[in-house]
Amino acid sequence: MPINVEVAYGMKKSIPAGPSTTLAEVLVLACESIKQDPARHVLRHKRKDLDLTLSVRFANLPAGATLDLAKIDEATAEARKVDIALQLTTGARIQKSLGCGSSLLQVLEAFEPTCG
């Protein structure tokens, strides 16, 4: 079941996707087809940003829907947050909210003061 993505100025790409394919994978494939950075783009349907963690099946898209590949500005890209949880051996759970562009080292440094 291919998904149609309008990548730029009326140019559409057909992205191969199954029901279990995540919208993040669709975004990456659409950006690769036009040689763009997926971190600087978002998928939209009817001017509403889609949750990229959902699969195509659970994204609530109508059959034959056309998604828009929209570029986001630098400030919006940096402001995107991800919630990360760390489960300790003691059973305690620690959560932090970090930027999407955070490296693994930055994630570890964020948890270091509370975990030791």
Foldseek 3Di string as FASTA:
>chain_A
DWAWECEDDRDIDTHDFDQQAFQLVVLVVSCVVVVHDSLQKFKAFPPHTWDRRDGNNPRPDDPRGYIYIGGHDPVVSQPDWDKDWDQDPVRDIDIDIHHPPDDPVNVCVVCVVVPD
